[in-house]
Amino acid sequence: MVKYLEEWKYILQVPPEKARKRLHYYTRIWLDTNAHSLHYALVGYPARKGVASQIIAKITGHKKLD
């Protein structure tokens, strides 16, 4: 997904309050998608591999499984 280390540093080497905005910019410009799609991909992969939904909810910070 992130092709070059420099691109990854571009996202991560900022204060936490700016990292979210920078991630949204990166995904929109360089990956031609949005961060919400990446979130679904992150959740979908372990779900397809059979990881328990309680664990996925914990990883994503959700309190409810629905």
C-alpha atoms as a PDB file:
ATOM      1  CA  MET A   1       0.000   0.000   0.000  1.00  0.00           C
ATOM      2  CA  VAL A   2       2.569   2.593   1.048  1.00  0.00           C
ATOM      3  CA  LYS A   3       5.250   2.191  -1.560  1.00  0.00           C
ATOM      4  CA  TYR A   4       8.077   4.207  -0.093  1.00  0.00           C
ATOM      5  CA  LEU A   5       9.320   4.748   3.420  1.00  0.00           C
ATOM      6  CA  GLU A   6       9.402   8.495   2.803  1.00  0.00           C
ATOM      7  CA  GLU A   7       5.649   8.471   2.134  1.00  0.00           C
ATOM      8  CA  TRP A   8       5.020   6.653   5.391  1.00  0.00           C
ATOM      9  CA  LYS A   9       7.199   9.136   7.268  1.00  0.00           C
ATOM     10  CA  TYR A  10       5.184  11.942   5.668  1.00  0.00           C
ATOM     11  CA  ILE A  11       2.118  10.605   7.473  1.00  0.00           C
ATOM     12  CA  LEU A  12       3.634   9.654  10.807  1.00  0.00           C
ATOM     13  CA  GLN A  13       6.165  12.360  11.559  1.00  0.00           C
ATOM     14  CA  VAL A  14       3.636  14.956  12.613  1.00  0.00           C
ATOM     15  CA  PRO A  15       1.915  15.644  15.919  1.00  0.00           C
ATOM     16  CA  PRO A  16      -1.029  13.268  16.553  1.00  0.00           C
ATOM     17  CA  GLU A  17      -3.587  16.032  16.051  1.00  0.00           C
ATOM     18  CA  LYS A  18      -2.326  16.552  12.481  1.00  0.00           C
ATOM     19  CA  ALA A  19      -1.761  12.887  11.578  1.00  0.00           C
ATOM     20  CA  ARG A  20      -5.424  12.192  10.832  1.00  0.00           C
ATOM     21  CA  LYS A  21      -5.701  15.088   8.393  1.00  0.00           C
ATOM     22  CA  ARG A  22      -2.470  14.057   6.712  1.00  0.00           C
ATOM     23  CA  LEU A  23      -3.635  10.439   6.383  1.00  0.00           C
ATOM     24  CA  HIS A  24      -6.869  11.589   4.742  1.00  0.00           C
ATOM     25  CA  TYR A  25      -4.881  13.762   2.323  1.00  0.00           C
ATOM     26  CA  TYR A  26      -2.467  10.926   1.506  1.00  0.00           C
ATOM     27  CA  THR A  27      -5.199   8.404   0.809  1.00  0.00           C
ATOM     28  CA  ARG A  28      -7.166  10.847  -1.335  1.00  0.00           C
ATOM     29  CA  ILE A  29      -4.246  12.098  -3.453  1.00  0.00           C
ATOM     30  CA  TRP A  30      -1.855   9.132  -3.678  1.00  0.00           C
ATOM     31  CA  LEU A  31      -4.138   6.113  -3.346  1.00  0.00           C
ATOM     32  CA  ASP A  32      -7.235   7.584  -5.028  1.00  0.00           C
ATOM     33  CA  THR A  33      -9.451   6.343  -2.201  1.00  0.00           C
ATOM     34  CA  ASN A  34     -10.417   7.515   1.265  1.00  0.00           C
ATOM     35  CA  ALA A  35      -9.417   6.614   4.791  1.00  0.00           C
ATOM     36  CA  HIS A  36     -12.826   5.090   5.480  1.00  0.00           C
ATOM     37  CA  SER A  37     -12.200   2.509   2.756  1.00  0.00           C
ATOM     38  CA  LEU A  38      -8.892   1.664   4.410  1.00  0.00           C
ATOM     39  CA  HIS A  39     -10.730   1.222   7.694  1.00  0.00           C
ATOM     40  CA  TYR A  40     -13.095  -1.285   6.070  1.00  0.00           C
ATOM     41  CA  ALA A  41     -10.131  -3.124   4.567  1.00  0.00           C
ATOM     42  CA  LEU A  42      -8.458  -3.282   7.975  1.00  0.00           C
ATOM     43  CA  VAL A  43     -11.613  -4.698   9.540  1.00  0.00           C
ATOM     44  CA  GLY A  44     -12.568  -6.940   6.630  1.00  0.00           C
ATOM     45  CA  TYR A  45      -9.331  -8.883   6.380  1.00  0.00           C
ATOM     46  CA  PRO A  46      -9.337 -10.415   9.879  1.00  0.00           C
ATOM     47  CA  ALA A  47     -13.096 -10.990   9.607  1.00  0.00           C
ATOM     48  CA  ARG A  48     -12.566 -13.061   6.447  1.00  0.00           C
ATOM     49  CA  LYS A  49      -9.818 -14.990   8.249  1.00  0.00           C
ATOM     50  CA  GLY A  50     -12.219 -15.951  11.031  1.00  0.00           C
ATOM     51  CA  VAL A  51     -11.072 -13.627  13.812  1.00  0.00           C
ATOM     52  CA  ALA A  52     -13.763 -13.257  16.472  1.00  0.00           C
ATOM     53  CA  SER A  53     -15.915 -10.158  16.102  1.00  0.00           C
ATOM     54  CA  GLN A  54     -15.229  -9.220  19.743  1.00  0.00           C
ATOM     55  CA  ILE A  55     -11.514  -8.948  18.964  1.00  0.00           C
ATOM     56  CA  ILE A  56     -12.151  -6.865  15.840  1.00  0.00           C
ATOM     57  CA  ALA A  57     -14.426  -4.555  17.855  1.00  0.00           C
ATOM     58  CA  LYS A  58     -11.687  -4.138  20.458  1.00  0.00           C
ATOM     59  CA  ILE A  59      -9.050  -3.344  17.798  1.00  0.00           C
ATOM     60  CA  THR A  60     -11.262  -0.747  16.133  1.00  0.00           C
ATOM     61  CA  GLY A  61     -12.374   0.801  19.411  1.00  0.00           C
ATOM     62  CA  HIS A  62     -16.040  -0.087  19.069  1.00  0.00           C
ATOM     63  CA  LYS A  63     -18.012  -0.855  22.214  1.00  0.00           C
ATOM     64  CA  LYS A  64     -20.866  -2.621  20.398  1.00  0.00           C
ATOM     65  CA  LEU A  65     -20.584  -5.360  17.810  1.00  0.00           C
ATOM     66  CA  ASP A  66     -23.301  -3.900  15.588  1.00  0.00           C
END
